[in-house]
Amino acid sequence: MGAETGIWTMVMTTGEGPSARFSVAGDCLDPLKGGVLVFIGGCNKSLEALEDMYYLHTGMVHSLIFFLN
């Protein structure tokens, strides 16, 4: 979502994304250098624990600095 506009936009990614899951853990790392979202584990629809990790470089350094000031 754009910090200044409040409008959601489609994220264009490369590579294979994570499978559908719930009860996932996540965090945002390094917001001053472009931001990285990290998603870890969770469960699939068969309630099997997932032991993988995905990350997304957001490139939102300007929006995050706006919030910090």
PDB file of N, CA and C in Angstrom:
ATOM      1  N   MET A   1       0.842  -1.164   0.000  1.00  0.00           N
ATOM      2  CA  MET A   1       0.000   0.000   0.000  1.00  0.00           C
ATOM      3  C   MET A   1       0.895   1.237   0.000  1.00  0.00           C
ATOM      4  N   GLY A   2       0.566   2.183  -0.817  1.00  0.00           N
ATOM      5  CA  GLY A   2       1.327   3.424  -0.872  1.00  0.00           C
ATOM      6  C   GLY A   2       1.107   4.248   0.381  1.00  0.00           C
ATOM      7  N   ALA A   3       2.184   4.625   1.043  1.00  0.00           N
ATOM      8  CA  ALA A   3       2.083   5.365   2.302  1.00  0.00           C
ATOM      9  C   ALA A   3       1.425   6.727   2.112  1.00  0.00           C
ATOM     10  N   GLU A   4       1.685   7.359   0.996  1.00  0.00           N
ATOM     11  CA  GLU A   4       1.140   8.689   0.768  1.00  0.00           C
ATOM     12  C   GLU A   4      -0.254   8.650   0.144  1.00  0.00           C
ATOM     13  N   THR A   5      -0.530   7.626  -0.677  1.00  0.00           N
ATOM     14  CA  THR A   5      -1.812   7.560  -1.384  1.00  0.00           C
ATOM     15  C   THR A   5      -2.848   6.705  -0.670  1.00  0.00           C
ATOM     16  N   GLY A   6      -2.394   5.720   0.120  1.00  0.00           N
ATOM     17  CA  GLY A   6      -3.312   4.796   0.769  1.00  0.00           C
ATOM     18  C   GLY A   6      -3.938   3.807  -0.194  1.00  0.00           C
ATOM     19  N   ILE A   7      -3.329   3.629  -1.362  1.00  0.00           N
ATOM     20  CA  ILE A   7      -3.861   2.741  -2.395  1.00  0.00           C
ATOM     21  C   ILE A   7      -2.971   1.513  -2.535  1.00  0.00           C
ATOM     22  N   TRP A   8      -3.603   0.324  -2.571  1.00  0.00           N
ATOM     23  CA  TRP A   8      -2.866  -0.927  -2.777  1.00  0.00           C
ATOM     24  C   TRP A   8      -2.480  -1.049  -4.236  1.00  0.00           C
ATOM     25  N   THR A   9      -1.281  -1.552  -4.499  1.00  0.00           N
ATOM     26  CA  THR A   9      -0.841  -1.817  -5.864  1.00  0.00           C
ATOM     27  C   THR A   9      -0.335  -3.247  -5.963  1.00  0.00           C
ATOM     28  N   MET A  10      -0.411  -3.823  -7.169  1.00  0.00           N
ATOM     29  CA  MET A  10       0.057  -5.177  -7.411  1.00  0.00           C
ATOM     30  C   MET A  10       1.583  -5.216  -7.338  1.00  0.00           C
ATOM     31  N   VAL A  11       2.116  -6.178  -6.618  1.00  0.00           N
ATOM     32  CA  VAL A  11       3.566  -6.345  -6.496  1.00  0.00           C
ATOM     33  C   VAL A  11       4.041  -7.288  -7.587  1.00  0.00           C
ATOM     34  N   MET A  12       5.020  -6.857  -8.359  1.00  0.00           N
ATOM     35  CA  MET A  12       5.587  -7.701  -9.408  1.00  0.00           C
ATOM     36  C   MET A  12       6.818  -8.400  -8.834  1.00  0.00           C
ATOM     37  N   THR A  13       6.801  -9.717  -8.820  1.00  0.00           N
ATOM     38  CA  THR A  13       7.909 -10.484  -8.261  1.00  0.00           C
ATOM     39  C   THR A  13       8.500 -11.401  -9.311  1.00  0.00           C
ATOM     40  N   THR A  14       9.652 -11.976  -9.002  1.00  0.00           N
ATOM     41  CA  THR A  14      10.271 -12.984  -9.854  1.00  0.00           C
ATOM     42  C   THR A  14      10.487 -14.236  -9.018  1.00  0.00           C
ATOM     43  N   GLY A  15      10.622 -15.350  -9.680  1.00  0.00           N
ATOM     44  CA  GLY A  15      10.849 -16.603  -8.966  1.00  0.00           C
ATOM     45  C   GLY A  15       9.560 -17.206  -8.440  1.00  0.00           C
ATOM     46  N   GLU A  16       9.701 -18.338  -7.812  1.00  0.00           N
ATOM     47  CA  GLU A  16       8.551 -19.063  -7.277  1.00  0.00           C
ATOM     48  C   GLU A  16       8.189 -18.530  -5.897  1.00  0.00           C
ATOM     49  N   GLY A  17       6.943 -18.275  -5.679  1.00  0.00           N
ATOM     50  CA  GLY A  17       6.481 -17.759  -4.393  1.00  0.00           C
ATOM     51  C   GLY A  17       6.132 -18.883  -3.436  1.00  0.00           C
ATOM     52  N   PRO A  18       5.793 -18.542  -2.210  1.00  0.00           N
ATOM     53  CA  PRO A  18       5.439 -19.549  -1.213  1.00  0.00           C
ATOM     54  C   PRO A  18       4.091 -20.199  -1.517  1.00  0.00           C
ATOM     55  N   SER A  19       3.921 -21.409  -1.021  1.00  0.00           N
ATOM     56  CA  SER A  19       2.638 -22.101  -1.148  1.00  0.00           C
ATOM     57  C   SER A  19       1.635 -21.480  -0.181  1.00  0.00           C
ATOM     58  N   ALA A  20       0.351 -21.800  -0.390  1.00  0.00           N
ATOM     59  CA  ALA A  20      -0.688 -21.312   0.523  1.00  0.00           C
ATOM     60  C   ALA A  20      -0.414 -21.853   1.916  1.00  0.00           C
ATOM     61  N   ARG A  21      -0.616 -21.016   2.938  1.00  0.00           N
ATOM     62  CA  ARG A  21      -0.301 -21.409   4.315  1.00  0.00           C
ATOM     63  C   ARG A  21      -1.023 -20.517   5.306  1.00  0.00           C
ATOM     64  N   PHE A  22      -1.039 -20.935   6.561  1.00  0.00           N
ATOM     65  CA  PHE A  22      -1.567 -20.120   7.648  1.00  0.00           C
ATOM     66  C   PHE A  22      -0.672 -20.304   8.858  1.00  0.00           C
ATOM     67  N   SER A  23      -0.870 -19.508   9.884  1.00  0.00           N
ATOM     68  CA  SER A  23      -0.040 -19.523  11.101  1.00  0.00           C
ATOM     69  C   SER A  23       1.431 -19.307  10.776  1.00  0.00           C
ATOM     70  N   VAL A  24       1.686 -18.428   9.838  1.00  0.00           N
ATOM     71  CA  VAL A  24       3.049 -18.128   9.415  1.00  0.00           C
ATOM     72  C   VAL A  24       3.630 -17.022  10.298  1.00  0.00           C
ATOM     73  N   ALA A  25       4.939 -17.045  10.487  1.00  0.00           N
ATOM     74  CA  ALA A  25       5.636 -15.971  11.206  1.00  0.00           C
ATOM     75  C   ALA A  25       6.260 -15.039  10.172  1.00  0.00           C
ATOM     76  N   GLY A  26       6.356 -13.771  10.501  1.00  0.00           N
ATOM     77  CA  GLY A  26       6.952 -12.824   9.572  1.00  0.00           C
ATOM     78  C   GLY A  26       7.536 -11.630  10.292  1.00  0.00           C
ATOM     79  N   ASP A  27       8.393 -10.919   9.587  1.00  0.00           N
ATOM     80  CA  ASP A  27       9.006  -9.722  10.152  1.00  0.00           C
ATOM     81  C   ASP A  27       9.478  -8.841   9.011  1.00  0.00           C
ATOM     82  N   CYS A  28       9.718  -7.579   9.315  1.00  0.00           N
ATOM     83  CA  CYS A  28      10.274  -6.630   8.368  1.00  0.00           C
ATOM     84  C   CYS A  28      11.690  -6.302   8.829  1.00  0.00           C
ATOM     85  N   LEU A  29      12.659  -6.497   7.944  1.00  0.00           N
ATOM     86  CA  LEU A  29      14.056  -6.270   8.285  1.00  0.00           C
ATOM     87  C   LEU A  29      14.614  -5.083   7.515  1.00  0.00           C
ATOM     88  N   ASP A  30      15.536  -4.368   8.119  1.00  0.00           N
ATOM     89  CA  ASP A  30      16.311  -3.313   7.471  1.00  0.00           C
ATOM     90  C   ASP A  30      15.454  -2.262   6.766  1.00  0.00           C
ATOM     91  N   PRO A  31      14.491  -1.632   7.453  1.00  0.00           N
ATOM     92  CA  PRO A  31      13.608  -0.680   6.778  1.00  0.00           C
ATOM     93  C   PRO A  31      14.307   0.568   6.255  1.00  0.00           C
ATOM     94  N   LEU A  32      15.477   0.911   6.770  1.00  0.00           N
ATOM     95  CA  LEU A  32      16.162   2.119   6.308  1.00  0.00           C
ATOM     96  C   LEU A  32      16.950   1.900   5.029  1.00  0.00           C
ATOM     97  N   LYS A  33      17.141   0.650   4.614  1.00  0.00           N
ATOM     98  CA  LYS A  33      17.899   0.376   3.391  1.00  0.00           C
ATOM     99  C   LYS A  33      17.041  -0.281   2.329  1.00  0.00           C
ATOM    100  N   GLY A  34      15.750  -0.116   2.376  1.00  0.00           N
ATOM    101  CA  GLY A  34      14.894  -0.639   1.322  1.00  0.00           C
ATOM    102  C   GLY A  34      13.845  -1.614   1.795  1.00  0.00           C
ATOM    103  N   GLY A  35      13.977  -2.127   2.993  1.00  0.00           N
ATOM    104  CA  GLY A  35      12.955  -3.007   3.547  1.00  0.00           C
ATOM    105  C   GLY A  35      12.971  -4.408   2.974  1.00  0.00           C
ATOM    106  N   VAL A  36      12.917  -5.392   3.828  1.00  0.00           N
ATOM    107  CA  VAL A  36      12.833  -6.794   3.439  1.00  0.00           C
ATOM    108  C   VAL A  36      11.764  -7.434   4.309  1.00  0.00           C
ATOM    109  N   LEU A  37      10.757  -8.048   3.678  1.00  0.00           N
ATOM    110  CA  LEU A  37       9.760  -8.813   4.410  1.00  0.00           C
ATOM    111  C   LEU A  37      10.185 -10.273   4.411  1.00  0.00           C
ATOM    112  N   VAL A  38      10.153 -10.907   5.574  1.00  0.00           N
ATOM    113  CA  VAL A  38      10.547 -12.306   5.711  1.00  0.00           C
ATOM    114  C   VAL A  38       9.359 -13.094   6.244  1.00  0.00           C
ATOM    115  N   PHE A  39       9.069 -14.229   5.601  1.00  0.00           N
ATOM    116  CA  PHE A  39       7.995 -15.123   6.023  1.00  0.00           C
ATOM    117  C   PHE A  39       8.590 -16.487   6.311  1.00  0.00           C
ATOM    118  N   ILE A  40       8.291 -17.041   7.496  1.00  0.00           N
ATOM    119  CA  ILE A  40       8.909 -18.295   7.934  1.00  0.00           C
ATOM    120  C   ILE A  40       7.841 -19.299   8.334  1.00  0.00           C
ATOM    121  N   GLY A  41       7.931 -20.498   7.771  1.00  0.00           N
ATOM    122  CA  GLY A  41       7.112 -21.631   8.198  1.00  0.00           C
ATOM    123  C   GLY A  41       5.626 -21.447   8.020  1.00  0.00           C
ATOM    124  N   GLY A  42       4.884 -21.992   8.978  1.00  0.00           N
ATOM    125  CA  GLY A  42       3.444 -22.016   8.932  1.00  0.00           C
ATOM    126  C   GLY A  42       2.957 -23.442   8.757  1.00  0.00           C
ATOM    127  N   CYS A  43       1.697 -23.589   8.376  1.00  0.00           N
ATOM    128  CA  CYS A  43       1.092 -24.908   8.137  1.00  0.00           C
ATOM    129  C   CYS A  43       0.353 -24.878   6.814  1.00  0.00           C
ATOM    130  N   ASN A  44       0.324 -26.033   6.122  1.00  0.00           N
ATOM    131  CA  ASN A  44      -0.463 -26.129   4.900  1.00  0.00           C
ATOM    132  C   ASN A  44      -1.871 -26.600   5.241  1.00  0.00           C
ATOM    133  N   LYS A  45      -2.729 -26.810   4.224  1.00  0.00           N
ATOM    134  CA  LYS A  45      -4.123 -27.172   4.496  1.00  0.00           C
ATOM    135  C   LYS A  45      -4.275 -28.554   5.110  1.00  0.00           C
ATOM    136  N   SER A  46      -3.224 -29.396   5.036  1.00  0.00           N
ATOM    137  CA  SER A  46      -3.243 -30.719   5.682  1.00  0.00           C
ATOM    138  C   SER A  46      -2.691 -30.661   7.095  1.00  0.00           C
ATOM    139  N   LEU A  47      -2.454 -29.459   7.610  1.00  0.00           N
ATOM    140  CA  LEU A  47      -1.907 -29.202   8.949  1.00  0.00           C
ATOM    141  C   LEU A  47      -0.474 -29.701   9.110  1.00  0.00           C
ATOM    142  N   GLU A  48       0.246 -29.836   7.993  1.00  0.00           N
ATOM    143  CA  GLU A  48       1.661 -30.212   8.044  1.00  0.00           C
ATOM    144  C   GLU A  48       2.490 -28.953   8.260  1.00  0.00           C
ATOM    145  N   ALA A  49       3.455 -29.040   9.171  1.00  0.00           N
ATOM    146  CA  ALA A  49       4.331 -27.896   9.435  1.00  0.00           C
ATOM    147  C   ALA A  49       5.248 -27.654   8.242  1.00  0.00           C
ATOM    148  N   LEU A  50       5.403 -26.387   7.870  1.00  0.00           N
ATOM    149  CA  LEU A  50       6.290 -25.999   6.771  1.00  0.00           C
ATOM    150  C   LEU A  50       7.560 -25.420   7.365  1.00  0.00           C
ATOM    151  N   GLU A  51       8.686 -25.866   6.875  1.00  0.00           N
ATOM    152  CA  GLU A  51       9.981 -25.434   7.418  1.00  0.00           C
ATOM    153  C   GLU A  51      10.775 -24.663   6.365  1.00  0.00           C
ATOM    154  N   ASP A  52      10.130 -23.697   5.737  1.00  0.00           N
ATOM    155  CA  ASP A  52      10.812 -22.925   4.714  1.00  0.00           C
ATOM    156  C   ASP A  52      10.780 -21.443   5.063  1.00  0.00           C
ATOM    157  N   MET A  53      11.495 -20.656   4.260  1.00  0.00           N
ATOM    158  CA  MET A  53      11.580 -19.218   4.501  1.00  0.00           C
ATOM    159  C   MET A  53      11.588 -18.509   3.151  1.00  0.00           C
ATOM    160  N   TYR A  54      10.815 -17.445   3.043  1.00  0.00           N
ATOM    161  CA  TYR A  54      10.775 -16.617   1.843  1.00  0.00           C
ATOM    162  C   TYR A  54      11.012 -15.176   2.241  1.00  0.00           C
ATOM    163  N   TYR A  55      11.614 -14.411   1.342  1.00  0.00           N
ATOM    164  CA  TYR A  55      11.813 -12.989   1.618  1.00  0.00           C
ATOM    165  C   TYR A  55      11.452 -12.180   0.381  1.00  0.00           C
ATOM    166  N   LEU A  56      11.067 -10.937   0.606  1.00  0.00           N
ATOM    167  CA  LEU A  56      10.699 -10.020  -0.457  1.00  0.00           C
ATOM    168  C   LEU A  56      11.360  -8.678  -0.180  1.00  0.00           C
ATOM    169  N   HIS A  57      12.195  -8.235  -1.116  1.00  0.00           N
ATOM    170  CA  HIS A  57      12.786  -6.891  -1.019  1.00  0.00           C
ATOM    171  C   HIS A  57      11.729  -5.894  -1.473  1.00  0.00           C
ATOM    172  N   THR A  58      11.294  -5.019  -0.577  1.00  0.00           N
ATOM    173  CA  THR A  58      10.203  -4.103  -0.901  1.00  0.00           C
ATOM    174  C   THR A  58      10.676  -2.834  -1.606  1.00  0.00           C
ATOM    175  N   GLY A  59      11.889  -2.385  -1.337  1.00  0.00           N
ATOM    176  CA  GLY A  59      12.373  -1.148  -1.930  1.00  0.00           C
ATOM    177  C   GLY A  59      11.627   0.085  -1.430  1.00  0.00           C
ATOM    178  N   MET A  60      11.008  -0.005  -0.261  1.00  0.00           N
ATOM    179  CA  MET A  60      10.176   1.083   0.254  1.00  0.00           C
ATOM    180  C   MET A  60      10.930   2.018   1.185  1.00  0.00           C
ATOM    181  N   VAL A  61      12.163   2.319   0.913  1.00  0.00           N
ATOM    182  CA  VAL A  61      12.958   3.146   1.805  1.00  0.00           C
ATOM    183  C   VAL A  61      12.349   4.534   1.985  1.00  0.00           C
ATOM    184  N   HIS A  62      11.847   5.146   0.932  1.00  0.00           N
ATOM    185  CA  HIS A  62      11.299   6.504   1.042  1.00  0.00           C
ATOM    186  C   HIS A  62      10.020   6.524   1.867  1.00  0.00           C
ATOM    187  N   SER A  63       9.142   5.567   1.667  1.00  0.00           N
ATOM    188  CA  SER A  63       7.891   5.520   2.422  1.00  0.00           C
ATOM    189  C   SER A  63       8.163   5.283   3.900  1.00  0.00           C
ATOM    190  N   LEU A  64       9.129   4.419   4.215  1.00  0.00           N
ATOM    191  CA  LEU A  64       9.418   4.114   5.605  1.00  0.00           C
ATOM    192  C   LEU A  64      10.092   5.297   6.308  1.00  0.00           C
ATOM    193  N   ILE A  65      10.946   6.000   5.613  1.00  0.00           N
ATOM    194  CA  ILE A  65      11.572   7.180   6.209  1.00  0.00           C
ATOM    195  C   ILE A  65      10.506   8.251   6.470  1.00  0.00           C
ATOM    196  N   PHE A  66       9.520   8.346   5.597  1.00  0.00           N
ATOM    197  CA  PHE A  66       8.410   9.277   5.797  1.00  0.00           C
ATOM    198  C   PHE A  66       7.720   9.022   7.146  1.00  0.00           C
ATOM    199  N   PHE A  67       7.481   7.744   7.480  1.00  0.00           N
ATOM    200  CA  PHE A  67       6.838   7.394   8.727  1.00  0.00           C
ATOM    201  C   PHE A  67       7.742   7.653   9.933  1.00  0.00           C
ATOM    202  N   LEU A  68       9.054   7.515   9.765  1.00  0.00           N
ATOM    203  CA  LEU A  68       9.975   7.669  10.883  1.00  0.00           C
ATOM    204  C   LEU A  68      10.196   9.126  11.265  1.00  0.00           C
ATOM    205  N   ASN A  69       9.954  10.048  10.344  1.00  0.00           N
ATOM    206  CA  ASN A  69      10.186  11.478  10.626  1.00  0.00           C
ATOM    207  C   ASN A  69       9.049  12.109  11.295  1.00  0.00           C
TER     208      ASN A  69
END
